[in-house]
Amino acid sequence: MSTATELQQWYEFNQETIAALIEDGSDDSQAHTIEYHFASSDFDALEKAAVDAFKAGFEVGDAEELELDDGGEVFCFDAVVERMLDEKLLNQDTDKLLAIATKHKVHYDGWGTYFIEVDEEDEN
């Protein structure tokens, strides 16, 4: 798969995820903690990706080791940032982070966030 095709798929993921969060009632007037996911069986490559993500302005968590269903092992970390649910900003993050993943030959696995309840008092 070409990088352009993969990037377009991630843009669609960003758009769909933002829409789903808003549709479910997450407060889009509040910044969300966005956790971008990376994984690799090569710890050294993952560590280099983490350094680049940090240099790009993301908070980087410690790498964790996970056992896969097939018994294999993989290392993973999250690059974290506070963002509004703004498609343009999330696409810019995707551009940066997918480039880092490609450079270091690690797997970029999108992002997740936590639902934020709308504060009913703020609406009145």
PDB file of N, CA and C in Angstrom:
ATOM      1  N   MET A   1       0.851  -1.173   0.000  1.00  0.00           N
ATOM      2  CA  MET A   1       0.000   0.000   0.000  1.00  0.00           C
ATOM      3  C   MET A   1       0.900   1.241   0.000  1.00  0.00           C
ATOM      4  N   SER A   2       0.588   2.186  -0.843  1.00  0.00           N
ATOM      5  CA  SER A   2       1.388   3.406  -0.907  1.00  0.00           C
ATOM      6  C   SER A   2       1.124   4.260   0.324  1.00  0.00           C
ATOM      7  N   THR A   3       2.083   5.108   0.636  1.00  0.00           N
ATOM      8  CA  THR A   3       1.933   5.993   1.789  1.00  0.00           C
ATOM      9  C   THR A   3       0.754   6.940   1.593  1.00  0.00           C
ATOM     10  N   ALA A   4       0.556   7.432   0.351  1.00  0.00           N
ATOM     11  CA  ALA A   4      -0.565   8.337   0.075  1.00  0.00           C
ATOM     12  C   ALA A   4      -1.901   7.637   0.334  1.00  0.00           C
ATOM     13  N   THR A   5      -2.016   6.394  -0.077  1.00  0.00           N
ATOM     14  CA  THR A   5      -3.243   5.627   0.149  1.00  0.00           C
ATOM     15  C   THR A   5      -3.452   5.400   1.641  1.00  0.00           C
ATOM     16  N   GLU A   6      -2.394   5.026   2.332  1.00  0.00           N
ATOM     17  CA  GLU A   6      -2.484   4.794   3.776  1.00  0.00           C
ATOM     18  C   GLU A   6      -2.862   6.087   4.502  1.00  0.00           C
ATOM     19  N   LEU A   7      -2.252   7.189   4.084  1.00  0.00           N
ATOM     20  CA  LEU A   7      -2.557   8.477   4.696  1.00  0.00           C
ATOM     21  C   LEU A   7      -4.027   8.839   4.498  1.00  0.00           C
ATOM     22  N   GLN A   8      -4.546   8.614   3.309  1.00  0.00           N
ATOM     23  CA  GLN A   8      -5.956   8.907   3.034  1.00  0.00           C
ATOM     24  C   GLN A   8      -6.866   8.047   3.913  1.00  0.00           C
ATOM     25  N   GLN A   9      -6.487   6.788   4.112  1.00  0.00           N
ATOM     26  CA  GLN A   9      -7.285   5.918   4.981  1.00  0.00           C
ATOM     27  C   GLN A   9      -7.284   6.432   6.427  1.00  0.00           C
ATOM     28  N   TRP A  10      -6.143   6.942   6.889  1.00  0.00           N
ATOM     29  CA  TRP A  10      -6.078   7.483   8.247  1.00  0.00           C
ATOM     30  C   TRP A  10      -6.881   8.773   8.351  1.00  0.00           C
ATOM     31  N   TYR A  11      -6.873   9.598   7.293  1.00  0.00           N
ATOM     32  CA  TYR A  11      -7.704  10.809   7.299  1.00  0.00           C
ATOM     33  C   TYR A  11      -9.182  10.437   7.444  1.00  0.00           C
ATOM     34  N   GLU A  12      -9.602   9.405   6.725  1.00  0.00           N
ATOM     35  CA  GLU A  12     -10.986   8.937   6.821  1.00  0.00           C
ATOM     36  C   GLU A  12     -11.280   8.420   8.230  1.00  0.00           C
ATOM     37  N   PHE A  13     -10.320   7.688   8.807  1.00  0.00           N
ATOM     38  CA  PHE A  13     -10.448   7.214  10.189  1.00  0.00           C
ATOM     39  C   PHE A  13     -10.630   8.404  11.133  1.00  0.00           C
ATOM     40  N   ASN A  14      -9.799   9.441  10.956  1.00  0.00           N
ATOM     41  CA  ASN A  14      -9.893  10.633  11.812  1.00  0.00           C
ATOM     42  C   ASN A  14     -11.283  11.248  11.711  1.00  0.00           C
ATOM     43  N   GLN A  15     -11.752  11.437  10.482  1.00  0.00           N
ATOM     44  CA  GLN A  15     -13.057  12.049  10.248  1.00  0.00           C
ATOM     45  C   GLN A  15     -14.173  11.214  10.885  1.00  0.00           C
ATOM     46  N   GLU A  16     -14.149   9.905  10.665  1.00  0.00           N
ATOM     47  CA  GLU A  16     -15.191   9.018  11.203  1.00  0.00           C
ATOM     48  C   GLU A  16     -15.161   8.963  12.726  1.00  0.00           C
ATOM     49  N   THR A  17     -13.957   8.942  13.297  1.00  0.00           N
ATOM     50  CA  THR A  17     -13.833   8.854  14.754  1.00  0.00           C
ATOM     51  C   THR A  17     -14.313  10.137  15.417  1.00  0.00           C
ATOM     52  N   ILE A  18     -13.933  11.274  14.857  1.00  0.00           N
ATOM     53  CA  ILE A  18     -14.407  12.558  15.391  1.00  0.00           C
ATOM     54  C   ILE A  18     -15.931  12.615  15.319  1.00  0.00           C
ATOM     55  N   ALA A  19     -16.493  12.265  14.169  1.00  0.00           N
ATOM     56  CA  ALA A  19     -17.946  12.296  13.991  1.00  0.00           C
ATOM     57  C   ALA A  19     -18.637  11.379  14.997  1.00  0.00           C
ATOM     58  N   ALA A  20     -18.091  10.185  15.224  1.00  0.00           N
ATOM     59  CA  ALA A  20     -18.689   9.237  16.167  1.00  0.00           C
ATOM     60  C   ALA A  20     -18.635   9.773  17.592  1.00  0.00           C
ATOM     61  N   LEU A  21     -17.518  10.375  17.976  1.00  0.00           N
ATOM     62  CA  LEU A  21     -17.400  10.939  19.323  1.00  0.00           C
ATOM     63  C   LEU A  21     -18.428  12.044  19.539  1.00  0.00           C
ATOM     64  N   ILE A  22     -18.549  12.925  18.556  1.00  0.00           N
ATOM     65  CA  ILE A  22     -19.494  14.034  18.672  1.00  0.00           C
ATOM     66  C   ILE A  22     -20.934  13.513  18.665  1.00  0.00           C
ATOM     67  N   GLU A  23     -21.210  12.563  17.789  1.00  0.00           N
ATOM     68  CA  GLU A  23     -22.556  11.977  17.724  1.00  0.00           C
ATOM     69  C   GLU A  23     -22.938  11.305  19.041  1.00  0.00           C
ATOM     70  N   ASP A  24     -21.946  10.682  19.684  1.00  0.00           N
ATOM     71  CA  ASP A  24     -22.205  10.016  20.968  1.00  0.00           C
ATOM     72  C   ASP A  24     -22.297  11.000  22.124  1.00  0.00           C
ATOM     73  N   GLY A  25     -21.988  12.287  21.858  1.00  0.00           N
ATOM     74  CA  GLY A  25     -22.162  13.306  22.882  1.00  0.00           C
ATOM     75  C   GLY A  25     -20.911  13.751  23.598  1.00  0.00           C
ATOM     76  N   SER A  26     -19.727  13.365  23.105  1.00  0.00           N
ATOM     77  CA  SER A  26     -18.503  13.851  23.734  1.00  0.00           C
ATOM     78  C   SER A  26     -18.422  15.367  23.526  1.00  0.00           C
ATOM     79  N   ASP A  27     -17.980  16.084  24.532  1.00  0.00           N
ATOM     80  CA  ASP A  27     -17.965  17.546  24.523  1.00  0.00           C
ATOM     81  C   ASP A  27     -16.875  18.066  23.588  1.00  0.00           C
ATOM     82  N   ASP A  28     -17.277  18.504  22.401  1.00  0.00           N
ATOM     83  CA  ASP A  28     -16.288  18.960  21.424  1.00  0.00           C
ATOM     84  C   ASP A  28     -15.809  20.384  21.693  1.00  0.00           C
ATOM     85  N   SER A  29     -16.287  21.009  22.772  1.00  0.00           N
ATOM     86  CA  SER A  29     -15.771  22.320  23.155  1.00  0.00           C
ATOM     87  C   SER A  29     -14.576  22.183  24.104  1.00  0.00           C
ATOM     88  N   GLN A  30     -14.248  20.958  24.464  1.00  0.00           N
ATOM     89  CA  GLN A  30     -13.129  20.677  25.371  1.00  0.00           C
ATOM     90  C   GLN A  30     -12.004  19.963  24.632  1.00  0.00           C
ATOM     91  N   ALA A  31     -10.762  20.266  25.033  1.00  0.00           N
ATOM     92  CA  ALA A  31      -9.617  19.528  24.488  1.00  0.00           C
ATOM     93  C   ALA A  31      -9.690  18.094  24.994  1.00  0.00           C
ATOM     94  N   HIS A  32      -9.351  17.160  24.118  1.00  0.00           N
ATOM     95  CA  HIS A  32      -9.328  15.735  24.451  1.00  0.00           C
ATOM     96  C   HIS A  32      -7.877  15.264  24.530  1.00  0.00           C
ATOM     97  N   THR A  33      -7.623  14.296  25.371  1.00  0.00           N
ATOM     98  CA  THR A  33      -6.315  13.653  25.423  1.00  0.00           C
ATOM     99  C   THR A  33      -6.278  12.636  24.291  1.00  0.00           C
ATOM    100  N   ILE A  34      -5.445  12.904  23.277  1.00  0.00           N
ATOM    101  CA  ILE A  34      -5.343  12.032  22.112  1.00  0.00           C
ATOM    102  C   ILE A  34      -4.110  11.153  22.292  1.00  0.00           C
ATOM    103  N   GLU A  35      -4.305   9.845  22.202  1.00  0.00           N
ATOM    104  CA  GLU A  35      -3.212   8.879  22.347  1.00  0.00           C
ATOM    105  C   GLU A  35      -2.989   8.182  21.008  1.00  0.00           C
ATOM    106  N   TYR A  36      -1.875   8.520  20.363  1.00  0.00           N
ATOM    107  CA  TYR A  36      -1.499   7.894  19.093  1.00  0.00           C
ATOM    108  C   TYR A  36      -0.689   6.642  19.406  1.00  0.00           C
ATOM    109  N   HIS A  37      -1.004   5.538  18.731  1.00  0.00           N
ATOM    110  CA  HIS A  37      -0.437   4.231  19.064  1.00  0.00           C
ATOM    111  C   HIS A  37       0.628   3.791  18.058  1.00  0.00           C
ATOM    112  N   PHE A  38       1.730   3.263  18.594  1.00  0.00           N
ATOM    113  CA  PHE A  38       2.819   2.713  17.788  1.00  0.00           C
ATOM    114  C   PHE A  38       3.175   1.327  18.317  1.00  0.00           C
ATOM    115  N   ALA A  39       3.625   0.450  17.424  1.00  0.00           N
ATOM    116  CA  ALA A  39       4.033  -0.895  17.838  1.00  0.00           C
ATOM    117  C   ALA A  39       5.114  -1.425  16.916  1.00  0.00           C
ATOM    118  N   SER A  40       5.942  -2.314  17.466  1.00  0.00           N
ATOM    119  CA  SER A  40       6.979  -2.973  16.681  1.00  0.00           C
ATOM    120  C   SER A  40       7.542  -4.138  17.485  1.00  0.00           C
ATOM    121  N   SER A  41       8.011  -5.145  16.770  1.00  0.00           N
ATOM    122  CA  SER A  41       8.720  -6.229  17.451  1.00  0.00           C
ATOM    123  C   SER A  41      10.177  -5.849  17.669  1.00  0.00           C
ATOM    124  N   ASP A  42      10.625  -4.764  17.040  1.00  0.00           N
ATOM    125  CA  ASP A  42      12.003  -4.272  17.153  1.00  0.00           C
ATOM    126  C   ASP A  42      12.031  -3.115  18.158  1.00  0.00           C
ATOM    127  N   PHE A  43      12.484  -3.408  19.380  1.00  0.00           N
ATOM    128  CA  PHE A  43      12.483  -2.401  20.438  1.00  0.00           C
ATOM    129  C   PHE A  43      13.327  -1.193  20.066  1.00  0.00           C
ATOM    130  N   ASP A  44      14.494  -1.404  19.462  1.00  0.00           N
ATOM    131  CA  ASP A  44      15.379  -0.285  19.116  1.00  0.00           C
ATOM    132  C   ASP A  44      14.722   0.661  18.116  1.00  0.00           C
ATOM    133  N   ALA A  45      14.051   0.112  17.117  1.00  0.00           N
ATOM    134  CA  ALA A  45      13.361   0.945  16.126  1.00  0.00           C
ATOM    135  C   ALA A  45      12.227   1.721  16.796  1.00  0.00           C
ATOM    136  N   LEU A  46      11.507   1.060  17.687  1.00  0.00           N
ATOM    137  CA  LEU A  46      10.407   1.715  18.389  1.00  0.00           C
ATOM    138  C   LEU A  46      10.927   2.848  19.269  1.00  0.00           C
ATOM    139  N   GLU A  47      12.059   2.614  19.913  1.00  0.00           N
ATOM    140  CA  GLU A  47      12.655   3.638  20.764  1.00  0.00           C
ATOM    141  C   GLU A  47      13.053   4.871  19.946  1.00  0.00           C
ATOM    142  N   LYS A  48      13.580   4.664  18.746  1.00  0.00           N
ATOM    143  CA  LYS A  48      13.949   5.782  17.874  1.00  0.00           C
ATOM    144  C   LYS A  48      12.707   6.545  17.424  1.00  0.00           C
ATOM    145  N   ALA A  49      11.632   5.834  17.161  1.00  0.00           N
ATOM    146  CA  ALA A  49      10.368   6.481  16.799  1.00  0.00           C
ATOM    147  C   ALA A  49       9.848   7.309  17.971  1.00  0.00           C
ATOM    148  N   ALA A  50       9.985   6.791  19.183  1.00  0.00           N
ATOM    149  CA  ALA A  50       9.532   7.511  20.374  1.00  0.00           C
ATOM    150  C   ALA A  50      10.313   8.809  20.550  1.00  0.00           C
ATOM    151  N   VAL A  51      11.610   8.766  20.314  1.00  0.00           N
ATOM    152  CA  VAL A  51      12.437   9.976  20.412  1.00  0.00           C
ATOM    153  C   VAL A  51      11.972  11.012  19.395  1.00  0.00           C
ATOM    154  N   ASP A  52      11.709  10.579  18.159  1.00  0.00           N
ATOM    155  CA  ASP A  52      11.244  11.510  17.131  1.00  0.00           C
ATOM    156  C   ASP A  52       9.859  12.076  17.455  1.00  0.00           C
ATOM    157  N   ALA A  53       8.984  11.253  18.009  1.00  0.00           N
ATOM    158  CA  ALA A  53       7.652  11.735  18.402  1.00  0.00           C
ATOM    159  C   ALA A  53       7.783  12.788  19.515  1.00  0.00           C
ATOM    160  N   PHE A  54       8.691  12.550  20.448  1.00  0.00           N
ATOM    161  CA  PHE A  54       8.945  13.520  21.516  1.00  0.00           C
ATOM    162  C   PHE A  54       9.462  14.828  20.928  1.00  0.00           C
ATOM    163  N   LYS A  55      10.409  14.733  20.015  1.00  0.00           N
ATOM    164  CA  LYS A  55      10.964  15.932  19.368  1.00  0.00           C
ATOM    165  C   LYS A  55       9.892  16.683  18.578  1.00  0.00           C
ATOM    166  N   ALA A  56       8.862  15.964  18.115  1.00  0.00           N
ATOM    167  CA  ALA A  56       7.769  16.580  17.348  1.00  0.00           C
ATOM    168  C   ALA A  56       6.713  17.212  18.268  1.00  0.00           C
ATOM    169  N   GLY A  57       6.933  17.147  19.590  1.00  0.00           N
ATOM    170  CA  GLY A  57       6.048  17.836  20.520  1.00  0.00           C
ATOM    171  C   GLY A  57       5.031  16.970  21.248  1.00  0.00           C
ATOM    172  N   PHE A  58       5.185  15.665  21.171  1.00  0.00           N
ATOM    173  CA  PHE A  58       4.247  14.764  21.831  1.00  0.00           C
ATOM    174  C   PHE A  58       4.845  14.254  23.142  1.00  0.00           C
ATOM    175  N   GLU A  59       3.970  14.020  24.123  1.00  0.00           N
ATOM    176  CA  GLU A  59       4.386  13.356  25.353  1.00  0.00           C
ATOM    177  C   GLU A  59       4.469  11.874  25.016  1.00  0.00           C
ATOM    178  N   VAL A  60       5.559  11.241  25.381  1.00  0.00           N
ATOM    179  CA  VAL A  60       5.763   9.839  25.014  1.00  0.00           C
ATOM    180  C   VAL A  60       5.796   8.982  26.265  1.00  0.00           C
ATOM    181  N   GLY A  61       4.943   7.975  26.284  1.00  0.00           N
ATOM    182  CA  GLY A  61       4.907   7.051  27.413  1.00  0.00           C
ATOM    183  C   GLY A  61       5.988   5.994  27.290  1.00  0.00           C
ATOM    184  N   ASP A  62       6.231   5.288  28.383  1.00  0.00           N
ATOM    185  CA  ASP A  62       7.192   4.181  28.361  1.00  0.00           C
ATOM    186  C   ASP A  62       6.676   3.069  27.465  1.00  0.00           C
ATOM    187  N   ALA A  63       7.605   2.416  26.793  1.00  0.00           N
ATOM    188  CA  ALA A  63       7.236   1.273  25.955  1.00  0.00           C
ATOM    189  C   ALA A  63       6.766   0.125  26.846  1.00  0.00           C
ATOM    190  N   GLU A  64       5.756  -0.580  26.364  1.00  0.00           N
ATOM    191  CA  GLU A  64       5.255  -1.759  27.057  1.00  0.00           C
ATOM    192  C   GLU A  64       5.452  -2.963  26.158  1.00  0.00           C
ATOM    193  N   GLU A  65       5.623  -4.119  26.773  1.00  0.00           N
ATOM    194  CA  GLU A  65       5.753  -5.359  26.024  1.00  0.00           C
ATOM    195  C   GLU A  65       4.438  -6.121  26.138  1.00  0.00           C
ATOM    196  N   LEU A  66       3.898  -6.517  24.988  1.00  0.00           N
ATOM    197  CA  LEU A  66       2.643  -7.259  24.972  1.00  0.00           C
ATOM    198  C   LEU A  66       2.830  -8.597  24.295  1.00  0.00           C
ATOM    199  N   GLU A  67       2.129  -9.598  24.790  1.00  0.00           N
ATOM    200  CA  GLU A  67       2.158 -10.919  24.151  1.00  0.00           C
ATOM    201  C   GLU A  67       0.974 -11.008  23.195  1.00  0.00           C
ATOM    202  N   LEU A  68       1.256 -11.408  21.969  1.00  0.00           N
ATOM    203  CA  LEU A  68       0.222 -11.551  20.955  1.00  0.00           C
ATOM    204  C   LEU A  68      -0.490 -12.890  21.092  1.00  0.00           C
ATOM    205  N   ASP A  69      -1.636 -13.024  20.442  1.00  0.00           N
ATOM    206  CA  ASP A  69      -2.412 -14.265  20.491  1.00  0.00           C
ATOM    207  C   ASP A  69      -1.602 -15.467  20.019  1.00  0.00           C
ATOM    208  N   ASP A  70      -0.689 -15.239  19.071  1.00  0.00           N
ATOM    209  CA  ASP A  70       0.120 -16.336  18.532  1.00  0.00           C
ATOM    210  C   ASP A  70       1.364 -16.628  19.368  1.00  0.00           C
ATOM    211  N   GLY A  71       1.495 -15.952  20.521  1.00  0.00           N
ATOM    212  CA  GLY A  71       2.632 -16.172  21.402  1.00  0.00           C
ATOM    213  C   GLY A  71       3.791 -15.237  21.127  1.00  0.00           C
ATOM    214  N   GLY A  72       3.738 -14.507  20.030  1.00  0.00           N
ATOM    215  CA  GLY A  72       4.793 -13.537  19.727  1.00  0.00           C
ATOM    216  C   GLY A  72       4.715 -12.354  20.671  1.00  0.00           C
ATOM    217  N   GLU A  73       5.768 -11.556  20.638  1.00  0.00           N
ATOM    218  CA  GLU A  73       5.803 -10.380  21.498  1.00  0.00           C
ATOM    219  C   GLU A  73       5.964  -9.132  20.651  1.00  0.00           C
ATOM    220  N   VAL A  74       5.379  -8.049  21.130  1.00  0.00           N
ATOM    221  CA  VAL A  74       5.472  -6.769  20.446  1.00  0.00           C
ATOM    222  C   VAL A  74       5.638  -5.681  21.508  1.00  0.00           C
ATOM    223  N   PHE A  75       6.351  -4.646  21.142  1.00  0.00           N
ATOM    224  CA  PHE A  75       6.525  -3.497  22.018  1.00  0.00           C
ATOM    225  C   PHE A  75       5.641  -2.376  21.494  1.00  0.00           C
ATOM    226  N   CYS A  76       5.121  -1.557  22.406  1.00  0.00           N
ATOM    227  CA  CYS A  76       4.255  -0.471  21.963  1.00  0.00           C
ATOM    228  C   CYS A  76       4.414   0.733  22.887  1.00  0.00           C
ATOM    229  N   PHE A  77       4.070   1.898  22.360  1.00  0.00           N
ATOM    230  CA  PHE A  77       4.031   3.111  23.167  1.00  0.00           C
ATOM    231  C   PHE A  77       2.976   4.040  22.581  1.00  0.00           C
ATOM    232  N   ASP A  78       2.571   5.019  23.381  1.00  0.00           N
ATOM    233  CA  ASP A  78       1.632   6.035  22.939  1.00  0.00           C
ATOM    234  C   ASP A  78       2.334   7.383  22.899  1.00  0.00           C
ATOM    235  N   ALA A  79       2.029   8.160  21.869  1.00  0.00           N
ATOM    236  CA  ALA A  79       2.439   9.558  21.777  1.00  0.00           C
ATOM    237  C   ALA A  79       1.183  10.364  22.090  1.00  0.00           C
ATOM    238  N   VAL A  80       1.238  11.175  23.135  1.00  0.00           N
ATOM    239  CA  VAL A  80       0.033  11.801  23.683  1.00  0.00           C
ATOM    240  C   VAL A  80       0.095  13.315  23.521  1.00  0.00           C
ATOM    241  N   VAL A  81      -1.070  13.891  23.213  1.00  0.00           N
ATOM    242  CA  VAL A  81      -1.180  15.340  23.070  1.00  0.00           C
ATOM    243  C   VAL A  81      -2.613  15.748  23.399  1.00  0.00           C
ATOM    244  N   GLU A  82      -2.796  16.958  23.893  1.00  0.00           N
ATOM    245  CA  GLU A  82      -4.134  17.507  24.121  1.00  0.00           C
ATOM    246  C   GLU A  82      -4.560  18.217  22.845  1.00  0.00           C
ATOM    247  N   ARG A  83      -5.718  17.845  22.307  1.00  0.00           N
ATOM    248  CA  ARG A  83      -6.214  18.432  21.068  1.00  0.00           C
ATOM    249  C   ARG A  83      -7.726  18.595  21.134  1.00  0.00           C
ATOM    250  N   MET A  84      -8.193  19.630  20.462  1.00  0.00           N
ATOM    251  CA  MET A  84      -9.619  19.747  20.196  1.00  0.00           C
ATOM    252  C   MET A  84      -9.938  18.667  19.157  1.00  0.00           C
ATOM    253  N   LEU A  85     -11.203  18.314  19.036  1.00  0.00           N
ATOM    254  CA  LEU A  85     -11.603  17.335  18.024  1.00  0.00           C
ATOM    255  C   LEU A  85     -11.695  18.047  16.673  1.00  0.00           C
ATOM    256  N   ASP A  86     -10.547  18.491  16.201  1.00  0.00           N
ATOM    257  CA  ASP A  86     -10.428  19.267  14.971  1.00  0.00           C
ATOM    258  C   ASP A  86      -9.744  18.393  13.919  1.00  0.00           C
ATOM    259  N   GLU A  87     -10.471  18.099  12.866  1.00  0.00           N
ATOM    260  CA  GLU A  87      -9.960  17.190  11.842  1.00  0.00           C
ATOM    261  C   GLU A  87      -8.641  17.675  11.250  1.00  0.00           C
ATOM    262  N   LYS A  88      -8.525  18.966  11.009  1.00  0.00           N
ATOM    263  CA  LYS A  88      -7.295  19.512  10.422  1.00  0.00           C
ATOM    264  C   LYS A  88      -6.090  19.247  11.334  1.00  0.00           C
ATOM    265  N   LEU A  89      -6.256  19.506  12.634  1.00  0.00           N
ATOM    266  CA  LEU A  89      -5.161  19.277  13.590  1.00  0.00           C
ATOM    267  C   LEU A  89      -4.800  17.796  13.681  1.00  0.00           C
ATOM    268  N   LEU A  90      -5.812  16.945  13.722  1.00  0.00           N
ATOM    269  CA  LEU A  90      -5.545  15.510  13.827  1.00  0.00           C
ATOM    270  C   LEU A  90      -4.901  14.983  12.539  1.00  0.00           C
ATOM    271  N   ASN A  91      -5.287  15.530  11.401  1.00  0.00           N
ATOM    272  CA  ASN A  91      -4.638  15.132  10.148  1.00  0.00           C
ATOM    273  C   ASN A  91      -3.183  15.582  10.129  1.00  0.00           C
ATOM    274  N   GLN A  92      -2.895  16.770  10.671  1.00  0.00           N
ATOM    275  CA  GLN A  92      -1.505  17.232  10.751  1.00  0.00           C
ATOM    276  C   GLN A  92      -0.683  16.307  11.651  1.00  0.00           C
ATOM    277  N   ASP A  93      -1.267  15.903  12.781  1.00  0.00           N
ATOM    278  CA  ASP A  93      -0.582  14.942  13.658  1.00  0.00           C
ATOM    279  C   ASP A  93      -0.334  13.638  12.909  1.00  0.00           C
ATOM    280  N   THR A  94      -1.337  13.175  12.184  1.00  0.00           N
ATOM    281  CA  THR A  94      -1.213  11.927  11.425  1.00  0.00           C
ATOM    282  C   THR A  94      -0.080  12.028  10.407  1.00  0.00           C
ATOM    283  N   ASP A  95       0.008  13.160   9.714  1.00  0.00           N
ATOM    284  CA  ASP A  95       1.102  13.365   8.755  1.00  0.00           C
ATOM    285  C   ASP A  95       2.459  13.167   9.427  1.00  0.00           C
ATOM    286  N   LYS A  96       2.648  13.840  10.551  1.00  0.00           N
ATOM    287  CA  LYS A  96       3.922  13.778  11.274  1.00  0.00           C
ATOM    288  C   LYS A  96       4.214  12.367  11.783  1.00  0.00           C
ATOM    289  N   LEU A  97       3.212  11.772  12.424  1.00  0.00           N
ATOM    290  CA  LEU A  97       3.447  10.502  13.098  1.00  0.00           C
ATOM    291  C   LEU A  97       3.545   9.325  12.131  1.00  0.00           C
ATOM    292  N   LEU A  98       2.790   9.357  11.055  1.00  0.00           N
ATOM    293  CA  LEU A  98       2.927   8.305  10.053  1.00  0.00           C
ATOM    294  C   LEU A  98       4.293   8.392   9.379  1.00  0.00           C
ATOM    295  N   ALA A  99       4.789   9.604   9.159  1.00  0.00           N
ATOM    296  CA  ALA A  99       6.137   9.776   8.593  1.00  0.00           C
ATOM    297  C   ALA A  99       7.199   9.206   9.536  1.00  0.00           C
ATOM    298  N   ILE A 100       7.024   9.429  10.830  1.00  0.00           N
ATOM    299  CA  ILE A 100       7.958   8.876  11.824  1.00  0.00           C
ATOM    300  C   ILE A 100       7.903   7.350  11.808  1.00  0.00           C
ATOM    301  N   ALA A 101       6.696   6.799  11.777  1.00  0.00           N
ATOM    302  CA  ALA A 101       6.540   5.341  11.759  1.00  0.00           C
ATOM    303  C   ALA A 101       7.171   4.749  10.502  1.00  0.00           C
ATOM    304  N   THR A 102       6.962   5.386   9.368  1.00  0.00           N
ATOM    305  CA  THR A 102       7.530   4.904   8.108  1.00  0.00           C
ATOM    306  C   THR A 102       9.051   4.973   8.150  1.00  0.00           C
ATOM    307  N   LYS A 103       9.586   6.075   8.641  1.00  0.00           N
ATOM    308  CA  LYS A 103      11.047   6.268   8.736  1.00  0.00           C
ATOM    309  C   LYS A 103      11.699   5.151   9.553  1.00  0.00           C
ATOM    310  N   HIS A 104      11.073   4.764  10.645  1.00  0.00           N
ATOM    311  CA  HIS A 104      11.672   3.785  11.557  1.00  0.00           C
ATOM    312  C   HIS A 104      11.140   2.369  11.351  1.00  0.00           C
ATOM    313  N   LYS A 105      10.256   2.205  10.358  1.00  0.00           N
ATOM    314  CA  LYS A 105       9.697   0.894  10.033  1.00  0.00           C
ATOM    315  C   LYS A 105       8.988   0.259  11.241  1.00  0.00           C
ATOM    316  N   VAL A 106       8.158   1.089  11.897  1.00  0.00           N
ATOM    317  CA  VAL A 106       7.305   0.601  12.985  1.00  0.00           C
ATOM    318  C   VAL A 106       5.859   0.793  12.555  1.00  0.00           C
ATOM    319  N   HIS A 107       4.942   0.177  13.263  1.00  0.00           N
ATOM    320  CA  HIS A 107       3.525   0.208  12.913  1.00  0.00           C
ATOM    321  C   HIS A 107       2.832   1.374  13.615  1.00  0.00           C
ATOM    322  N   TYR A 108       2.189   2.237  12.830  1.00  0.00           N
ATOM    323  CA  TYR A 108       1.335   3.296  13.362  1.00  0.00           C
ATOM    324  C   TYR A 108      -0.073   2.718  13.406  1.00  0.00           C
ATOM    325  N   ASP A 109      -0.722   2.815  14.570  1.00  0.00           N
ATOM    326  CA  ASP A 109      -2.024   2.168  14.742  1.00  0.00           C
ATOM    327  C   ASP A 109      -3.122   3.148  15.136  1.00  0.00           C
ATOM    328  N   GLY A 110      -3.066   4.368  14.581  1.00  0.00           N
ATOM    329  CA  GLY A 110      -4.135   5.315  14.814  1.00  0.00           C
ATOM    330  C   GLY A 110      -4.131   5.903  16.207  1.00  0.00           C
ATOM    331  N   TRP A 111      -5.303   6.353  16.637  1.00  0.00           N
ATOM    332  CA  TRP A 111      -5.409   7.021  17.926  1.00  0.00           C
ATOM    333  C   TRP A 111      -6.717   6.683  18.623  1.00  0.00           C
ATOM    334  N   GLY A 112      -6.708   7.019  19.889  1.00  0.00           N
ATOM    335  CA  GLY A 112      -7.898   6.885  20.696  1.00  0.00           C
ATOM    336  C   GLY A 112      -7.953   8.035  21.680  1.00  0.00           C
ATOM    337  N   THR A 113      -9.096   8.191  22.305  1.00  0.00           N
ATOM    338  CA  THR A 113      -9.264   9.238  23.308  1.00  0.00           C
ATOM    339  C   THR A 113     -10.333   8.798  24.290  1.00  0.00           C
ATOM    340  N   TYR A 114     -10.581   9.635  25.251  1.00  0.00           N
ATOM    341  CA  TYR A 114     -11.590   9.359  26.262  1.00  0.00           C
ATOM    342  C   TYR A 114     -12.793  10.256  26.030  1.00  0.00           C
ATOM    343  N   PHE A 115     -13.959   9.726  26.233  1.00  0.00           N
ATOM    344  CA  PHE A 115     -15.210  10.461  26.123  1.00  0.00           C
ATOM    345  C   PHE A 115     -15.243  11.539  27.203  1.00  0.00           C
ATOM    346  N   ILE A 116     -15.645  12.740  26.823  1.00  0.00           N
ATOM    347  CA  ILE A 116     -15.793  13.832  27.795  1.00  0.00           C
ATOM    348  C   ILE A 116     -17.266  14.217  27.859  1.00  0.00           C
ATOM    349  N   GLU A 117     -17.831  14.063  29.038  1.00  0.00           N
ATOM    350  CA  GLU A 117     -19.242  14.420  29.245  1.00  0.00           C
ATOM    351  C   GLU A 117     -19.420  15.924  29.072  1.00  0.00           C
ATOM    352  N   VAL A 118     -20.533  16.313  28.484  1.00  0.00           N
ATOM    353  CA  VAL A 118     -20.886  17.728  28.392  1.00  0.00           C
ATOM    354  C   VAL A 118     -21.309  18.175  29.774  1.00  0.00           C
ATOM    355  N   ASP A 119     -20.725  19.286  30.232  1.00  0.00           N
ATOM    356  CA  ASP A 119     -21.089  19.850  31.523  1.00  0.00           C
ATOM    357  C   ASP A 119     -22.369  20.636  31.351  1.00  0.00           C
ATOM    358  N   GLU A 120     -23.480  20.108  31.861  1.00  0.00           N
ATOM    359  CA  GLU A 120     -24.788  20.726  31.677  1.00  0.00           C
ATOM    360  C   GLU A 120     -24.843  22.152  32.237  1.00  0.00           C
ATOM    361  N   GLU A 121     -24.066  22.424  33.293  1.00  0.00           N
ATOM    362  CA  GLU A 121     -24.049  23.767  33.896  1.00  0.00           C
ATOM    363  C   GLU A 121     -23.471  24.791  32.930  1.00  0.00           C
ATOM    364  N   ASP A 122     -22.495  24.384  32.105  1.00  0.00           N
ATOM    365  CA  ASP A 122     -21.870  25.289  31.157  1.00  0.00           C
ATOM    366  C   ASP A 122     -22.824  25.689  30.041  1.00  0.00           C
ATOM    367  N   GLU A 123     -23.840  24.876  29.791  1.00  0.00           N
ATOM    368  CA  GLU A 123     -24.750  25.143  28.699  1.00  0.00           C
ATOM    369  C   GLU A 123     -25.839  26.138  29.063  1.00  0.00           C
ATOM    370  N   ASN A 124     -25.996  26.394  30.344  1.00  0.00           N
ATOM    371  CA  ASN A 124     -27.051  27.317  30.783  1.00  0.00           C
ATOM    372  C   ASN A 124     -26.528  28.714  30.978  1.00  0.00           C
TER     373      ASN A 124
END
